[in-house]
């Protein structure tokens, strides 16, 4: 009992300190979540707290639940209008963009750093997706209103690209762990699994969304129970979809979007509850990931991590964005902004846990490299999101009126 009380005191203290320091982060212009990551580092075994936490399996389980709740909240914030405006380009970014990022990063890391191609592609898969938590929160923190439906595109992309990154990560972990050849027949053999994960994820999300909305609309329960009921429904759907072999993360995002559209009452109450829950999940996730990192071990991987980050930020993400959006006739300024604001956050660090806990050859050094990449992305891209939007002329002022279509038109 005493140890449980001490744990609760410790976690609550970190949470409160982080919340109280948020005005400092705003004044410095620092990404809010980076603050909690730093607090976790400071309280870790090499910091002032001296807390030893190295249970990667527990971190993976906690991270799965936190990410599911974050994506469910993201779905609740995504209206039908947003889907109509951004569905096609966001879907292209979520599929073509993630695959292209994985391949470009993998090939360049293979040649530049002499990594085995399997491990290089695994690294590209882990850092291939943008982060829903970082994207949603940073746009809110900066209070940025974007022209041309760019905000909607970024949000939808961040909400639906995680399943592809997760699939690619698991695929490459299987290939690396079993020393399989990285060739076309091997990769094609995994396509049925991809179809199953995405298909069951979509089906589960649609069914879960309609059933949850029907029950909320029809069953008379105390008003204060609607939001917890929605949360329990999302977690149940996440686990049932995962047990069936589908993507639980995709399912909860779709469920949240349908629930928002189909609920006839208490919509705002449910959204506000899950918005707060999403903040808590993000904070807990970043604190935990900060505790999981050992700074003295990370120092040895900083040069490699910075090199991978440079390849990702300046080459892979812009090229992948261009490949994904050019067929839609989207202008160069919009492409440049979306290519730059490809924030990496908790999701890549979370995915980096998978090869560490698998029985393969990779150790915590792989996790440390991904950690450096994510921190570099949050610092460089997170700090410059406002500057990039203004420099490219994409910030919507109140007098701009209705948003323009995503296509750039005449310059």
Protein backbone atom coordinates (compact mmCIF):
# COMPACT_ATOMS: atom_id res chain seq x y z
CA UNK A 1 0.00 0.00 0.00
CA UNK A 2 2.80 2.36 0.86
CA UNK A 3 4.51 1.81 -2.50
CA UNK A 4 1.24 2.45 -4.34
CA UNK A 5 0.74 5.67 -2.41
CA UNK A 6 4.27 6.80 -3.22
CA UNK A 7 3.73 6.06 -6.91
CA UNK A 8 0.51 8.07 -6.93
CA UNK A 9 2.21 10.95 -5.11
CA UNK A 10 5.09 10.88 -7.61
CA UNK A 11 2.89 10.75 -10.73
CA UNK A 12 0.52 13.43 -9.40
CA UNK A 13 3.44 15.68 -8.53
CA UNK A 14 4.93 15.39 -12.03
CA UNK A 15 1.54 16.04 -13.58
CA UNK A 16 0.95 19.18 -11.52
CA UNK A 17 4.45 20.54 -12.13
CA UNK A 18 4.04 20.06 -15.86
CA UNK A 19 0.66 21.80 -15.92
CA UNK A 20 1.98 24.73 -13.86
CA UNK A 21 4.92 25.15 -16.23
CA UNK A 22 2.80 25.30 -19.39
CA UNK A 23 2.80 29.15 -19.40
CA UNK A 24 6.60 28.96 -19.56
CA UNK A 25 6.38 26.67 -22.57
CA UNK A 26 3.93 29.03 -24.25
CA UNK A 27 6.18 32.03 -23.61
CA UNK A 28 9.21 30.22 -25.00
CA UNK A 29 7.19 28.96 -27.93
CA UNK A 30 8.19 25.39 -27.07
CA UNK A 31 5.94 22.45 -27.95
CA UNK A 32 3.87 21.71 -24.86
CA UNK A 33 4.45 17.96 -24.90
CA UNK A 34 8.21 18.41 -25.08
CA UNK A 35 7.98 19.94 -21.61
CA UNK A 36 6.59 16.71 -20.14
CA UNK A 37 9.17 14.68 -22.01
CA UNK A 38 11.90 16.78 -20.36
CA UNK A 39 10.28 16.42 -16.93
CA UNK A 40 10.29 12.65 -17.38
CA UNK A 41 13.97 12.78 -18.32
CA UNK A 42 14.83 14.94 -15.30
CA UNK A 43 13.04 12.57 -12.95
CA UNK A 44 14.65 9.48 -14.50
CA UNK A 45 17.58 7.47 -13.24
CA UNK A 46 20.20 9.92 -14.56
CA UNK A 47 18.23 12.97 -13.42
CA UNK A 48 17.39 14.59 -10.11
CA UNK A 49 14.61 12.09 -9.40
CA UNK A 50 16.72 8.97 -9.80
CA UNK A 51 13.65 6.90 -10.76
CA UNK A 52 14.49 3.68 -12.56
CA UNK A 53 11.89 2.63 -15.09
CA UNK A 54 12.87 0.25 -17.83
CA UNK A 55 9.84 -1.99 -18.29
CA UNK A 56 9.29 -1.72 -22.05
CA UNK A 57 6.44 -4.23 -22.01
CA UNK A 58 4.49 -2.16 -19.48
CA UNK A 59 5.29 1.00 -21.43
CA UNK A 60 3.90 -0.62 -24.59
CA UNK A 61 0.65 -1.64 -22.87
CA UNK A 62 0.14 1.78 -21.27
CA UNK A 63 1.06 3.50 -24.52
CA UNK A 64 -1.48 1.45 -26.49
CA UNK A 65 -4.34 2.54 -24.23
CA UNK A 66 -3.21 6.17 -24.18
CA UNK A 67 -2.87 6.31 -27.95
CA UNK A 68 -6.30 4.71 -28.42
CA UNK A 69 -7.90 7.40 -26.23
CA UNK A 70 -6.02 10.16 -28.06
CA UNK A 71 -7.19 8.92 -31.46
CA UNK A 72 -10.77 8.50 -30.22
CA UNK A 73 -10.72 12.13 -29.08
CA UNK A 74 -9.26 13.11 -32.44
CA UNK A 75 -12.17 11.36 -34.15
CA UNK A 76 -14.65 13.23 -31.95
CA UNK A 77 -13.02 16.48 -33.08
CA UNK A 78 -13.31 15.53 -36.77
CA UNK A 79 -16.67 16.44 -38.26
CA UNK A 80 -18.21 15.16 -41.47
CA UNK A 81 -17.39 18.49 -43.11
CA UNK A 82 -13.71 18.04 -42.27
CA UNK A 83 -13.72 14.55 -43.80
CA UNK A 84 -15.37 15.86 -46.96
CA UNK A 85 -12.78 18.62 -47.31
CA UNK A 86 -9.67 16.58 -46.53
CA UNK A 87 -10.44 12.87 -46.95
CA UNK A 88 -8.75 12.26 -50.32
CA UNK A 89 -5.42 14.08 -49.78
CA UNK A 90 -5.24 12.92 -46.16
CA UNK A 91 -5.80 9.30 -47.20
CA UNK A 92 -3.06 9.60 -49.80
CA UNK A 93 -0.69 11.02 -47.18
CA UNK A 94 -1.66 8.27 -44.74
CA UNK A 95 -0.96 5.44 -47.20
CA UNK A 96 1.33 6.61 -50.01
CA UNK A 97 3.09 9.13 -47.78
CA UNK A 98 3.91 6.68 -45.00
CA UNK A 99 5.12 4.01 -47.42
CA UNK A 100 7.21 6.53 -49.36
CA UNK A 101 8.72 7.93 -46.16
CA UNK A 102 9.61 4.41 -44.99
CA UNK A 103 11.28 3.53 -48.30
CA UNK A 104 13.14 6.83 -48.76
CA UNK A 105 14.45 6.89 -45.18
CA UNK A 106 15.34 3.19 -45.33
CA UNK A 107 17.25 3.37 -48.61
CA UNK A 108 19.16 6.53 -47.67
CA UNK A 109 20.05 5.26 -44.19
CA UNK A 110 21.19 1.97 -45.75
CA UNK A 111 23.63 3.75 -48.07
CA UNK A 112 24.64 6.70 -45.87
CA UNK A 113 25.16 4.83 -42.60
CA UNK A 114 25.81 1.30 -43.92
CA UNK A 115 22.81 -0.16 -42.06
CA UNK A 116 21.42 -3.56 -43.12
CA UNK A 117 18.49 -2.80 -45.42
CA UNK A 118 15.98 -4.60 -43.18
CA UNK A 119 16.89 -2.56 -40.09
CA UNK A 120 17.06 0.64 -42.15
CA UNK A 121 13.54 0.07 -43.51
CA UNK A 122 12.33 -0.77 -40.00
CA UNK A 123 13.68 2.57 -38.82
CA UNK A 124 11.86 4.27 -41.70
CA UNK A 125 8.62 2.48 -40.78
CA UNK A 126 8.83 3.50 -37.12
CA UNK A 127 9.28 7.20 -37.94
CA UNK A 128 7.00 7.11 -40.99
CA UNK A 129 3.81 8.51 -39.47
CA UNK A 130 3.00 11.95 -38.19
CA UNK A 131 1.75 12.08 -34.64
CA UNK A 132 -1.89 12.79 -33.88
CA UNK A 133 -1.19 14.00 -30.35
CA UNK A 134 1.58 16.38 -31.41
CA UNK A 135 -0.33 17.68 -34.44
CA UNK A 136 -3.69 18.24 -32.72
CA UNK A 137 -2.13 19.83 -29.66
CA UNK A 138 0.42 22.05 -31.38
CA UNK A 139 -2.16 23.57 -33.72
CA UNK A 140 -4.31 24.35 -30.69
CA UNK A 141 -1.38 25.65 -28.64
CA UNK A 142 -0.34 28.03 -31.43
CA UNK A 143 -3.99 28.97 -32.08
CA UNK A 144 -3.22 28.73 -35.78
CA UNK A 145 -6.03 29.01 -38.31
CA UNK A 146 -4.85 27.81 -41.71
CA UNK A 147 -6.14 28.55 -45.18
CA UNK A 148 -7.02 26.01 -47.83
CA UNK A 149 -8.23 23.32 -45.40
CA UNK A 150 -4.64 22.55 -44.44
CA UNK A 151 -5.49 22.16 -40.75
CA UNK A 152 -8.16 19.61 -41.60
CA UNK A 153 -5.78 17.70 -43.87
CA UNK A 154 -3.09 17.54 -41.19
CA UNK A 155 -5.56 16.41 -38.53
CA UNK A 156 -7.15 13.68 -40.63
CA UNK A 157 -3.75 12.49 -41.84
CA UNK A 158 -2.44 12.28 -38.29
CA UNK A 159 -5.53 10.37 -37.21
CA UNK A 160 -5.45 7.71 -39.92
CA UNK A 161 -1.77 7.16 -40.76
CA UNK A 162 -0.89 5.29 -37.58
CA UNK A 163 -2.34 1.93 -38.75
CA UNK A 164 -0.10 1.94 -41.84
CA UNK A 165 2.98 2.80 -39.74
CA UNK A 166 2.08 0.09 -37.22
CA UNK A 167 1.60 -2.48 -39.99
CA UNK A 168 4.92 -1.58 -41.65
CA UNK A 169 6.70 -1.68 -38.30
CA UNK A 170 5.34 -5.12 -37.40
CA UNK A 171 6.11 -6.37 -40.92
CA UNK A 172 9.72 -5.20 -40.78
CA UNK A 173 10.15 -6.51 -37.22
CA UNK A 174 9.01 -9.93 -38.46
CA UNK A 175 11.43 -9.76 -41.39
CA UNK A 176 14.37 -8.65 -39.21
CA UNK A 177 13.67 -11.10 -36.39
CA UNK A 178 13.39 -14.06 -38.78
CA UNK A 179 16.21 -12.90 -41.06
CA UNK A 180 13.92 -12.98 -44.11
CA UNK A 181 15.06 -11.54 -47.44
CA UNK A 182 13.89 -8.01 -48.16
CA UNK A 183 12.49 -8.63 -51.65
CA UNK A 184 9.23 -8.24 -53.51
CA UNK A 185 7.86 -11.77 -52.85
CA UNK A 186 8.43 -11.37 -49.10
CA UNK A 187 6.75 -7.96 -49.00
CA UNK A 188 3.83 -9.12 -51.16
CA UNK A 189 3.22 -12.03 -48.78
CA UNK A 190 2.27 -9.50 -46.08
CA UNK A 191 -0.42 -7.75 -48.18
CA UNK A 192 -3.28 -10.01 -47.01
CA UNK A 193 -2.43 -9.05 -43.42
CA UNK A 194 -2.54 -5.37 -44.37
CA UNK A 195 -5.93 -5.81 -46.02
CA UNK A 196 -7.22 -7.62 -42.94
CA UNK A 197 -6.01 -4.98 -40.51
CA UNK A 198 -7.36 -2.03 -42.48
CA UNK A 199 -10.57 -3.78 -43.49
CA UNK A 200 -11.45 -4.97 -39.99
CA UNK A 201 -10.42 -1.60 -38.60
CA UNK A 202 -12.84 0.23 -40.90
CA UNK A 203 -15.66 -2.27 -40.35
CA UNK A 204 -15.15 -2.27 -36.59
CA UNK A 205 -15.03 1.52 -36.45
CA UNK A 206 -18.22 1.94 -38.48
CA UNK A 207 -20.15 -0.67 -36.52
CA UNK A 208 -18.82 0.59 -33.19
CA UNK A 209 -19.67 4.18 -34.04
CA UNK A 210 -23.24 3.46 -35.09
CA UNK A 211 -23.93 1.11 -32.15
CA UNK A 212 -22.44 3.53 -29.60
CA UNK A 213 -24.42 6.44 -31.04
CA UNK A 214 -27.64 4.39 -31.04
CA UNK A 215 -27.22 3.39 -27.40
CA UNK A 216 -26.36 6.93 -26.29
CA UNK A 217 -29.35 8.31 -28.16
CA UNK A 218 -31.86 5.70 -26.98
CA UNK A 219 -30.86 4.56 -23.48
CA UNK A 220 -31.90 6.84 -20.64
CA UNK A 221 -28.96 7.17 -18.29
CA UNK A 222 -27.68 9.96 -16.02
CA UNK A 223 -26.20 12.80 -18.05
CA UNK A 224 -22.84 12.41 -16.33
CA UNK A 225 -22.53 8.83 -17.65
CA UNK A 226 -22.65 9.60 -21.37
CA UNK A 227 -18.97 10.53 -21.66
CA UNK A 228 -17.67 7.57 -19.57
CA UNK A 229 -19.95 5.28 -21.60
CA UNK A 230 -18.36 6.57 -24.81
CA UNK A 231 -14.88 6.00 -23.35
CA UNK A 232 -15.71 2.43 -22.31
CA UNK A 233 -17.20 1.78 -25.76
CA UNK A 234 -14.02 3.03 -27.44
CA UNK A 235 -11.74 0.86 -25.28
CA UNK A 236 -13.97 -2.17 -25.82
CA UNK A 237 -13.95 -1.58 -29.57
CA UNK A 238 -10.18 -1.07 -29.59
CA UNK A 239 -9.52 -4.39 -27.87
CA UNK A 240 -12.14 -6.40 -29.77
CA UNK A 241 -10.83 -5.12 -33.10
CA UNK A 242 -7.24 -5.89 -32.09
CA UNK A 243 -8.21 -9.40 -30.93
CA UNK A 244 -9.91 -10.03 -34.28
CA UNK A 245 -6.72 -9.07 -36.12
CA UNK A 246 -7.79 -5.59 -37.18
CA UNK A 247 -6.37 -2.16 -36.48
CA UNK A 248 -7.88 -1.01 -33.21
CA UNK A 249 -6.34 2.44 -33.64
CA UNK A 250 -8.11 3.01 -36.96
CA UNK A 251 -11.34 1.63 -35.50
CA UNK A 252 -11.47 4.04 -32.54
CA UNK A 253 -10.70 7.07 -34.74
CA UNK A 254 -13.53 6.20 -37.15
CA UNK A 255 -15.83 5.38 -34.23
CA UNK A 256 -15.18 8.80 -32.70
CA UNK A 257 -15.95 10.61 -35.97
CA UNK A 258 -19.20 8.68 -36.48
CA UNK A 259 -20.22 9.15 -32.86
CA UNK A 260 -19.79 12.92 -33.19
CA UNK A 261 -21.94 12.96 -36.30
CA UNK A 262 -24.69 10.63 -35.03
CA UNK A 263 -25.20 11.75 -31.42
CA UNK A 264 -28.36 13.79 -31.00
CA UNK A 265 -27.62 15.18 -27.54
CA UNK A 266 -24.78 15.70 -25.05
CA UNK A 267 -22.31 15.93 -27.93
CA UNK A 268 -20.40 18.86 -26.48
CA UNK A 269 -20.26 17.26 -23.03
CA UNK A 270 -18.79 14.06 -24.48
CA UNK A 271 -16.27 16.00 -26.59
CA UNK A 272 -15.09 18.13 -23.66
CA UNK A 273 -14.68 15.09 -21.44
CA UNK A 274 -12.56 13.28 -24.03
CA UNK A 275 -10.60 16.41 -24.84
CA UNK A 276 -9.48 16.51 -21.20
CA UNK A 277 -8.88 12.76 -21.24
CA UNK A 278 -6.76 13.16 -24.36
CA UNK A 279 -4.62 15.77 -22.61
CA UNK A 280 -4.14 13.44 -19.64
CA UNK A 281 -3.26 10.54 -21.95
CA UNK A 282 -0.73 12.64 -23.84
CA UNK A 283 0.87 13.91 -20.65
CA UNK A 284 1.09 10.44 -19.09
CA UNK A 285 2.49 9.05 -22.33
CA UNK A 286 5.25 11.66 -22.64
CA UNK A 287 6.14 11.49 -18.94
CA UNK A 288 6.43 7.71 -19.19
CA UNK A 289 8.52 7.86 -22.35
CA UNK A 290 10.79 10.42 -20.70
CA UNK A 291 11.28 8.10 -17.72
CA UNK A 292 11.96 5.20 -20.08
CA UNK A 293 14.94 6.95 -21.67
CA UNK A 294 18.39 6.81 -20.08
CA UNK A 295 20.12 10.12 -21.02
CA UNK A 296 23.67 8.79 -20.80
CA UNK A 297 22.75 6.05 -23.30
CA UNK A 298 21.03 8.54 -25.62
CA UNK A 299 24.18 10.69 -25.81
CA UNK A 300 26.01 7.98 -27.71
CA UNK A 301 23.26 7.88 -30.35
CA UNK A 302 22.84 11.62 -30.90
CA UNK A 303 25.00 11.83 -34.10
CA UNK A 304 23.12 8.96 -35.76
CA UNK A 305 19.77 10.27 -34.54
CA UNK A 306 20.46 13.75 -35.93
CA UNK A 307 21.51 12.26 -39.25
CA UNK A 308 18.31 10.23 -39.49
CA UNK A 309 16.28 13.29 -38.48
CA UNK A 310 17.90 15.36 -41.23
CA UNK A 311 17.10 12.70 -43.82
CA UNK A 312 13.51 12.52 -42.60
CA UNK A 313 12.79 16.25 -42.25
CA UNK A 314 14.63 17.66 -45.26
CA UNK A 315 14.36 14.83 -47.81
CA UNK A 316 11.94 12.01 -47.05
CA UNK A 317 8.91 13.92 -45.74
CA UNK A 318 8.94 16.62 -48.47
CA UNK A 319 9.37 14.01 -51.24
CA UNK A 320 6.67 11.77 -49.77
CA UNK A 321 4.32 14.75 -49.49
CA UNK A 322 4.92 15.72 -53.10
CA UNK A 323 4.26 12.16 -54.29
CA UNK A 324 1.05 12.02 -52.26
CA UNK A 325 -0.45 15.43 -53.08
CA UNK A 326 0.67 16.30 -56.61
CA UNK A 327 -2.04 14.08 -58.23
CA UNK A 328 -4.67 16.24 -56.47
CA UNK A 329 -3.40 19.45 -58.07
CA UNK A 330 -2.37 20.92 -54.72
CA UNK A 331 -0.06 23.93 -54.99
CA UNK A 332 3.57 24.08 -54.00
CA UNK A 333 3.01 26.34 -50.98
CA UNK A 334 0.51 23.93 -49.44
CA UNK A 335 2.78 20.99 -50.22
CA UNK A 336 5.75 22.78 -48.70
CA UNK A 337 3.86 23.50 -45.49
CA UNK A 338 2.44 19.98 -45.11
CA UNK A 339 5.89 18.57 -45.91
CA UNK A 340 7.45 20.72 -43.20
CA UNK A 341 4.81 20.17 -40.52
CA UNK A 342 5.22 16.41 -40.43
CA UNK A 343 5.61 16.36 -36.67
CA UNK A 344 6.88 13.20 -35.01
CA UNK A 345 5.79 12.69 -31.42
CA UNK A 346 4.86 9.88 -29.09
CA UNK A 347 3.80 7.44 -31.83
CA UNK A 348 7.30 6.79 -33.28
CA UNK A 349 8.74 6.44 -29.76
CA UNK A 350 5.89 4.07 -28.93
CA UNK A 351 6.50 2.04 -32.11
CA UNK A 352 10.23 1.89 -31.32
CA UNK A 353 9.30 -0.20 -28.28
CA UNK A 354 8.09 -3.06 -30.53
CA UNK A 355 11.52 -4.15 -31.89
CA UNK A 356 12.99 -3.77 -28.38
CA UNK A 357 10.48 -6.16 -26.78
CA UNK A 358 10.58 -8.58 -29.71
CA UNK A 359 13.04 -11.52 -29.60
CA UNK A 360 15.10 -10.09 -32.47
CA UNK A 361 18.60 -8.56 -32.57
CA UNK A 362 17.65 -4.94 -31.79
CA UNK A 363 18.26 -3.44 -28.36
CA UNK A 364 17.41 -0.19 -26.57
CA UNK A 365 19.91 1.61 -28.82
CA UNK A 366 17.29 1.52 -31.58
CA UNK A 367 14.82 3.16 -29.19
CA UNK A 368 17.37 5.86 -28.33
CA UNK A 369 17.93 6.75 -32.00
CA UNK A 370 14.19 7.17 -32.55
CA UNK A 371 13.97 9.29 -29.40
CA UNK A 372 16.60 11.70 -30.81
CA UNK A 373 14.69 11.89 -34.11
CA UNK A 374 11.43 12.75 -32.33
CA UNK A 375 12.98 15.42 -30.11
CA UNK A 376 14.67 16.96 -33.17
CA UNK A 377 11.33 17.04 -34.99
CA UNK A 378 9.49 18.62 -32.07
CA UNK A 379 12.18 21.25 -31.61
CA UNK A 380 12.77 22.19 -35.24
CA UNK A 381 9.35 21.70 -36.82
CA UNK A 382 7.32 22.43 -33.71
CA UNK A 383 9.08 25.71 -33.04
CA UNK A 384 8.77 26.92 -36.63
CA UNK A 385 5.17 25.97 -37.49
CA UNK A 386 3.90 29.55 -37.10
CA UNK A 387 6.85 31.00 -39.00
CA UNK A 388 6.41 28.54 -41.88
CA UNK A 389 2.66 29.23 -42.13
CA UNK A 390 3.19 32.99 -42.23
CA UNK A 391 6.17 32.84 -44.59
CA UNK A 392 4.12 30.77 -47.06
CA UNK A 393 1.08 33.05 -46.64
CA UNK A 394 -1.19 30.30 -45.33
CA UNK A 395 -2.47 31.83 -42.08
CA UNK A 396 -6.18 32.61 -42.26
CA UNK A 397 -7.13 35.96 -40.75
CA UNK A 398 -10.66 36.55 -39.44
CA UNK A 399 -11.49 38.80 -42.35
CA UNK A 400 -10.54 36.14 -44.87
CA UNK A 401 -14.06 34.74 -44.76
CA UNK A 402 -14.80 31.18 -45.90
CA UNK A 403 -11.90 28.86 -46.42
CA UNK A 404 -10.61 28.36 -49.92
CA UNK A 405 -10.45 24.95 -51.57
CA UNK A 406 -7.28 22.94 -51.12
CA UNK A 407 -6.11 23.61 -54.64
CA UNK A 408 -3.84 26.60 -54.90
CA UNK A 409 -5.12 28.13 -58.11
CA UNK A 410 -3.37 31.22 -59.49
CA UNK A 411 -0.47 32.80 -57.63
